[in-house]
Amino acid sequence: MTAFMHEVLFYTLTALLLLTLIPLIILPANNPARSLDVLDLVIVLAFWLYILIRLVRERRG
């Protein structure tokens, strides 16, 4: 992947990360959908960190 593609993916995942945080704030604590949102947040955060690490490695090397 090129650096531009990595940056586009990084910004897209950042927006998705922010969008997954909104239901955590809005939903009540005992709502079952909140646990699914936490799972989504973990998955998106993992991809976000992976892309961030790839971007840093690519810019160094």
PDB file of N, CA and C in Angstrom:
ATOM      1  N   MET A   1       0.831  -1.181   0.000  1.00  0.00           N
ATOM      2  CA  MET A   1       0.000   0.000   0.000  1.00  0.00           C
ATOM      3  C   MET A   1       0.882   1.252   0.000  1.00  0.00           C
ATOM      4  N   THR A   2       0.407   2.255  -0.659  1.00  0.00           N
ATOM      5  CA  THR A   2       1.145   3.508  -0.668  1.00  0.00           C
ATOM      6  C   THR A   2       0.849   4.292   0.608  1.00  0.00           C
ATOM      7  N   ALA A   3       1.670   5.301   0.842  1.00  0.00           N
ATOM      8  CA  ALA A   3       1.480   6.124   2.042  1.00  0.00           C
ATOM      9  C   ALA A   3       0.133   6.845   1.996  1.00  0.00           C
ATOM     10  N   PHE A   4      -0.272   7.266   0.799  1.00  0.00           N
ATOM     11  CA  PHE A   4      -1.555   7.950   0.668  1.00  0.00           C
ATOM     12  C   PHE A   4      -2.707   7.027   1.050  1.00  0.00           C
ATOM     13  N   MET A   5      -2.641   5.778   0.616  1.00  0.00           N
ATOM     14  CA  MET A   5      -3.702   4.819   0.939  1.00  0.00           C
ATOM     15  C   MET A   5      -3.744   4.555   2.442  1.00  0.00           C
ATOM     16  N   HIS A   6      -2.561   4.479   3.062  1.00  0.00           N
ATOM     17  CA  HIS A   6      -2.516   4.283   4.505  1.00  0.00           C
ATOM     18  C   HIS A   6      -3.148   5.460   5.238  1.00  0.00           C
ATOM     19  N   GLU A   7      -2.857   6.664   4.768  1.00  0.00           N
ATOM     20  CA  GLU A   7      -3.413   7.842   5.429  1.00  0.00           C
ATOM     21  C   GLU A   7      -4.928   7.917   5.262  1.00  0.00           C
ATOM     22  N   VAL A   8      -5.422   7.585   4.084  1.00  0.00           N
ATOM     23  CA  VAL A   8      -6.871   7.572   3.866  1.00  0.00           C
ATOM     24  C   VAL A   8      -7.523   6.540   4.780  1.00  0.00           C
ATOM     25  N   LEU A   9      -6.926   5.368   4.872  1.00  0.00           N
ATOM     26  CA  LEU A   9      -7.463   4.323   5.744  1.00  0.00           C
ATOM     27  C   LEU A   9      -7.406   4.753   7.208  1.00  0.00           C
ATOM     28  N   PHE A  10      -6.327   5.411   7.597  1.00  0.00           N
ATOM     29  CA  PHE A  10      -6.187   5.887   8.970  1.00  0.00           C
ATOM     30  C   PHE A  10      -7.272   6.907   9.313  1.00  0.00           C
ATOM     31  N   TYR A  11      -7.501   7.861   8.421  1.00  0.00           N
ATOM     32  CA  TYR A  11      -8.524   8.879   8.688  1.00  0.00           C
ATOM     33  C   TYR A  11      -9.929   8.279   8.664  1.00  0.00           C
ATOM     34  N   THR A  12     -10.156   7.312   7.794  1.00  0.00           N
ATOM     35  CA  THR A  12     -11.455   6.641   7.753  1.00  0.00           C
ATOM     36  C   THR A  12     -11.705   5.880   9.054  1.00  0.00           C
ATOM     37  N   LEU A  13     -10.694   5.164   9.522  1.00  0.00           N
ATOM     38  CA  LEU A  13     -10.844   4.424  10.771  1.00  0.00           C
ATOM     39  C   LEU A  13     -10.960   5.362  11.970  1.00  0.00           C
ATOM     40  N   THR A  14     -10.316   6.520  11.903  1.00  0.00           N
ATOM     41  CA  THR A  14     -10.467   7.498  12.981  1.00  0.00           C
ATOM     42  C   THR A  14     -11.905   8.003  13.047  1.00  0.00           C
ATOM     43  N   ALA A  15     -12.489   8.273  11.892  1.00  0.00           N
ATOM     44  CA  ALA A  15     -13.894   8.701  11.861  1.00  0.00           C
ATOM     45  C   ALA A  15     -14.805   7.589  12.371  1.00  0.00           C
ATOM     46  N   LEU A  16     -14.519   6.349  11.971  1.00  0.00           N
ATOM     47  CA  LEU A  16     -15.313   5.219  12.438  1.00  0.00           C
ATOM     48  C   LEU A  16     -15.162   5.027  13.944  1.00  0.00           C
ATOM     49  N   LEU A  17     -13.966   5.250  14.446  1.00  0.00           N
ATOM     50  CA  LEU A  17     -13.730   5.159  15.885  1.00  0.00           C
ATOM     51  C   LEU A  17     -14.566   6.187  16.638  1.00  0.00           C
ATOM     52  N   LEU A  18     -14.602   7.399  16.125  1.00  0.00           N
ATOM     53  CA  LEU A  18     -15.416   8.434  16.769  1.00  0.00           C
ATOM     54  C   LEU A  18     -16.903   8.106  16.682  1.00  0.00           C
ATOM     55  N   LEU A  19     -17.326   7.527  15.558  1.00  0.00           N
ATOM     56  CA  LEU A  19     -18.734   7.160  15.417  1.00  0.00           C
ATOM     57  C   LEU A  19     -19.131   6.018  16.348  1.00  0.00           C
ATOM     58  N   THR A  20     -18.194   5.132  16.673  1.00  0.00           N
ATOM     59  CA  THR A  20     -18.519   4.052  17.605  1.00  0.00           C
ATOM     60  C   THR A  20     -18.512   4.538  19.052  1.00  0.00           C
ATOM     61  N   LEU A  21     -17.883   5.669  19.310  1.00  0.00           N
ATOM     62  CA  LEU A  21     -17.903   6.213  20.667  1.00  0.00           C
ATOM     63  C   LEU A  21     -19.234   6.882  21.001  1.00  0.00           C
ATOM     64  N   ILE A  22     -19.924   7.388  20.000  1.00  0.00           N
ATOM     65  CA  ILE A  22     -21.184   8.106  20.235  1.00  0.00           C
ATOM     66  C   ILE A  22     -22.236   7.225  20.916  1.00  0.00           C
ATOM     67  N   PRO A  23     -22.491   5.985  20.444  1.00  0.00           N
ATOM     68  CA  PRO A  23     -23.490   5.157  21.148  1.00  0.00           C
ATOM     69  C   PRO A  23     -23.090   4.813  22.581  1.00  0.00           C
ATOM     70  N   LEU A  24     -21.790   4.720  22.852  1.00  0.00           N
ATOM     71  CA  LEU A  24     -21.368   4.456  24.232  1.00  0.00           C
ATOM     72  C   LEU A  24     -21.781   5.591  25.155  1.00  0.00           C
ATOM     73  N   ILE A  25     -21.782   6.788  24.632  1.00  0.00           N
ATOM     74  CA  ILE A  25     -22.172   7.943  25.434  1.00  0.00           C
ATOM     75  C   ILE A  25     -23.692   8.030  25.553  1.00  0.00           C
ATOM     76  N   ILE A  26     -24.396   7.718  24.463  1.00  0.00           N
ATOM     77  CA  ILE A  26     -25.851   7.909  24.416  1.00  0.00           C
ATOM     78  C   ILE A  26     -26.620   6.765  25.081  1.00  0.00           C
ATOM     79  N   LEU A  27     -26.197   5.521  24.848  1.00  0.00           N
ATOM     80  CA  LEU A  27     -26.963   4.369  25.337  1.00  0.00           C
ATOM     81  C   LEU A  27     -26.857   4.223  26.854  1.00  0.00           C
ATOM     82  N   PRO A  28     -27.932   3.781  27.498  1.00  0.00           N
ATOM     83  CA  PRO A  28     -27.859   3.531  28.944  1.00  0.00           C
ATOM     84  C   PRO A  28     -26.983   2.311  29.244  1.00  0.00           C
ATOM     85  N   ALA A  29     -26.528   2.217  30.465  1.00  0.00           N
ATOM     86  CA  ALA A  29     -25.558   1.184  30.840  1.00  0.00           C
ATOM     87  C   ALA A  29     -26.104  -0.235  30.722  1.00  0.00           C
ATOM     88  N   ASN A  30     -27.392  -0.448  30.907  1.00  0.00           N
ATOM     89  CA  ASN A  30     -27.947  -1.804  30.887  1.00  0.00           C
ATOM     90  C   ASN A  30     -28.477  -2.213  29.518  1.00  0.00           C
ATOM     91  N   ASN A  31     -28.208  -1.455  28.487  1.00  0.00           N
ATOM     92  CA  ASN A  31     -28.689  -1.762  27.143  1.00  0.00           C
ATOM     93  C   ASN A  31     -27.792  -2.829  26.506  1.00  0.00           C
ATOM     94  N   PRO A  32     -28.373  -3.924  25.954  1.00  0.00           N
ATOM     95  CA  PRO A  32     -27.543  -4.963  25.334  1.00  0.00           C
ATOM     96  C   PRO A  32     -26.780  -4.467  24.107  1.00  0.00           C
ATOM     97  N   ALA A  33     -27.297  -3.461  23.430  1.00  0.00           N
ATOM     98  CA  ALA A  33     -26.598  -2.932  22.256  1.00  0.00           C
ATOM     99  C   ALA A  33     -25.285  -2.266  22.649  1.00  0.00           C
ATOM    100  N   ARG A  34     -25.193  -1.863  23.888  1.00  0.00           N
ATOM    101  CA  ARG A  34     -23.956  -1.217  24.343  1.00  0.00           C
ATOM    102  C   ARG A  34     -22.794  -2.201  24.367  1.00  0.00           C
ATOM    103  N   SER A  35     -23.054  -3.452  24.730  1.00  0.00           N
ATOM    104  CA  SER A  35     -21.980  -4.448  24.737  1.00  0.00           C
ATOM    105  C   SER A  35     -21.499  -4.744  23.321  1.00  0.00           C
ATOM    106  N   LEU A  36     -22.420  -4.743  22.365  1.00  0.00           N
ATOM    107  CA  LEU A  36     -22.013  -4.918  20.971  1.00  0.00           C
ATOM    108  C   LEU A  36     -21.209  -3.723  20.483  1.00  0.00           C
ATOM    109  N   ASP A  37     -21.553  -2.543  20.940  1.00  0.00           N
ATOM    110  CA  ASP A  37     -20.802  -1.360  20.554  1.00  0.00           C
ATOM    111  C   ASP A  37     -19.396  -1.393  21.140  1.00  0.00           C
ATOM    112  N   VAL A  38     -19.254  -1.929  22.332  1.00  0.00           N
ATOM    113  CA  VAL A  38     -17.920  -2.067  22.917  1.00  0.00           C
ATOM    114  C   VAL A  38     -17.086  -3.025  22.082  1.00  0.00           C
ATOM    115  N   LEU A  39     -17.685  -4.110  21.619  1.00  0.00           N
ATOM    116  CA  LEU A  39     -16.977  -5.044  20.748  1.00  0.00           C
ATOM    117  C   LEU A  39     -16.566  -4.365  19.441  1.00  0.00           C
ATOM    118  N   ASP A  40     -17.468  -3.598  18.854  1.00  0.00           N
ATOM    119  CA  ASP A  40     -17.130  -2.840  17.647  1.00  0.00           C
ATOM    120  C   ASP A  40     -15.986  -1.870  17.911  1.00  0.00           C
ATOM    121  N   LEU A  41     -16.026  -1.231  19.053  1.00  0.00           N
ATOM    122  CA  LEU A  41     -14.982  -0.277  19.405  1.00  0.00           C
ATOM    123  C   LEU A  41     -13.624  -0.964  19.517  1.00  0.00           C
ATOM    124  N   VAL A  42     -13.588  -2.131  20.109  1.00  0.00           N
ATOM    125  CA  VAL A  42     -12.332  -2.874  20.244  1.00  0.00           C
ATOM    126  C   VAL A  42     -11.797  -3.274  18.872  1.00  0.00           C
ATOM    127  N   ILE A  43     -12.672  -3.741  17.993  1.00  0.00           N
ATOM    128  CA  ILE A  43     -12.250  -4.144  16.653  1.00  0.00           C
ATOM    129  C   ILE A  43     -11.720  -2.951  15.867  1.00  0.00           C
ATOM    130  N   VAL A  44     -12.454  -1.854  15.889  1.00  0.00           N
ATOM    131  CA  VAL A  44     -12.015  -0.655  15.163  1.00  0.00           C
ATOM    132  C   VAL A  44     -10.713  -0.121  15.747  1.00  0.00           C
ATOM    133  N   LEU A  45     -10.592  -0.124  17.059  1.00  0.00           N
ATOM    134  CA  LEU A  45      -9.370   0.356  17.696  1.00  0.00           C
ATOM    135  C   LEU A  45      -8.174  -0.515  17.323  1.00  0.00           C
ATOM    136  N   ALA A  46      -8.376  -1.819  17.232  1.00  0.00           N
ATOM    137  CA  ALA A  46      -7.288  -2.709  16.824  1.00  0.00           C
ATOM    138  C   ALA A  46      -6.831  -2.400  15.401  1.00  0.00           C
ATOM    139  N   PHE A  47      -7.763  -2.233  14.476  1.00  0.00           N
ATOM    140  CA  PHE A  47      -7.389  -1.871  13.107  1.00  0.00           C
ATOM    141  C   PHE A  47      -6.719  -0.505  13.067  1.00  0.00           C
ATOM    142  N   TRP A  48      -7.222   0.431  13.853  1.00  0.00           N
ATOM    143  CA  TRP A  48      -6.669   1.780  13.887  1.00  0.00           C
ATOM    144  C   TRP A  48      -5.215   1.749  14.357  1.00  0.00           C
ATOM    145  N   LEU A  49      -4.937   0.994  15.414  1.00  0.00           N
ATOM    146  CA  LEU A  49      -3.566   0.881  15.912  1.00  0.00           C
ATOM    147  C   LEU A  49      -2.661   0.172  14.914  1.00  0.00           C
ATOM    148  N   TYR A  50      -3.174  -0.845  14.234  1.00  0.00           N
ATOM    149  CA  TYR A  50      -2.396  -1.551  13.220  1.00  0.00           C
ATOM    150  C   TYR A  50      -1.986  -0.603  12.093  1.00  0.00           C
ATOM    151  N   ILE A  51      -2.941   0.176  11.594  1.00  0.00           N
ATOM    152  CA  ILE A  51      -2.639   1.114  10.515  1.00  0.00           C
ATOM    153  C   ILE A  51      -1.681   2.197  11.005  1.00  0.00           C
ATOM    154  N   LEU A  52      -1.855   2.660  12.233  1.00  0.00           N
ATOM    155  CA  LEU A  52      -0.955   3.667  12.784  1.00  0.00           C
ATOM    156  C   LEU A  52       0.471   3.133  12.864  1.00  0.00           C
ATOM    157  N   ILE A  53       0.638   1.913  13.309  1.00  0.00           N
ATOM    158  CA  ILE A  53       1.965   1.304  13.383  1.00  0.00           C
ATOM    159  C   ILE A  53       2.560   1.150  11.990  1.00  0.00           C
ATOM    160  N   ARG A  54       1.746   0.720  11.026  1.00  0.00           N
ATOM    161  CA  ARG A  54       2.240   0.598   9.645  1.00  0.00           C
ATOM    162  C   ARG A  54       2.666   1.946   9.081  1.00  0.00           C
ATOM    163  N   LEU A  55       1.891   3.001   9.371  1.00  0.00           N
ATOM    164  CA  LEU A  55       2.254   4.345   8.902  1.00  0.00           C
ATOM    165  C   LEU A  55       3.582   4.801   9.496  1.00  0.00           C
ATOM    166  N   VAL A  56       3.767   4.587  10.783  1.00  0.00           N
ATOM    167  CA  VAL A  56       5.007   5.005  11.435  1.00  0.00           C
ATOM    168  C   VAL A  56       6.186   4.229  10.874  1.00  0.00           C
ATOM    169  N   ARG A  57       6.040   2.940  10.692  1.00  0.00           N
ATOM    170  CA  ARG A  57       7.129   2.130  10.140  1.00  0.00           C
ATOM    171  C   ARG A  57       7.460   2.535   8.709  1.00  0.00           C
ATOM    172  N   GLU A  58       6.439   2.839   7.922  1.00  0.00           N
ATOM    173  CA  GLU A  58       6.672   3.212   6.532  1.00  0.00           C
ATOM    174  C   GLU A  58       7.377   4.560   6.432  1.00  0.00           C
ATOM    175  N   ARG A  59       7.041   5.480   7.306  1.00  0.00           N
ATOM    176  CA  ARG A  59       7.676   6.807   7.259  1.00  0.00           C
ATOM    177  C   ARG A  59       9.109   6.756   7.761  1.00  0.00           C
ATOM    178  N   ARG A  60       9.416   5.845   8.652  1.00  0.00           N
ATOM    179  CA  ARG A  60      10.795   5.714   9.138  1.00  0.00           C
ATOM    180  C   ARG A  60      11.686   5.060   8.093  1.00  0.00           C
ATOM    181  N   GLY A  61      11.153   4.078   7.404  1.00  0.00           N
ATOM    182  CA  GLY A  61      11.974   3.289   6.488  1.00  0.00           C
ATOM    183  C   GLY A  61      11.782   3.686   5.097  1.00  0.00           C
TER     184      GLY A  61
END
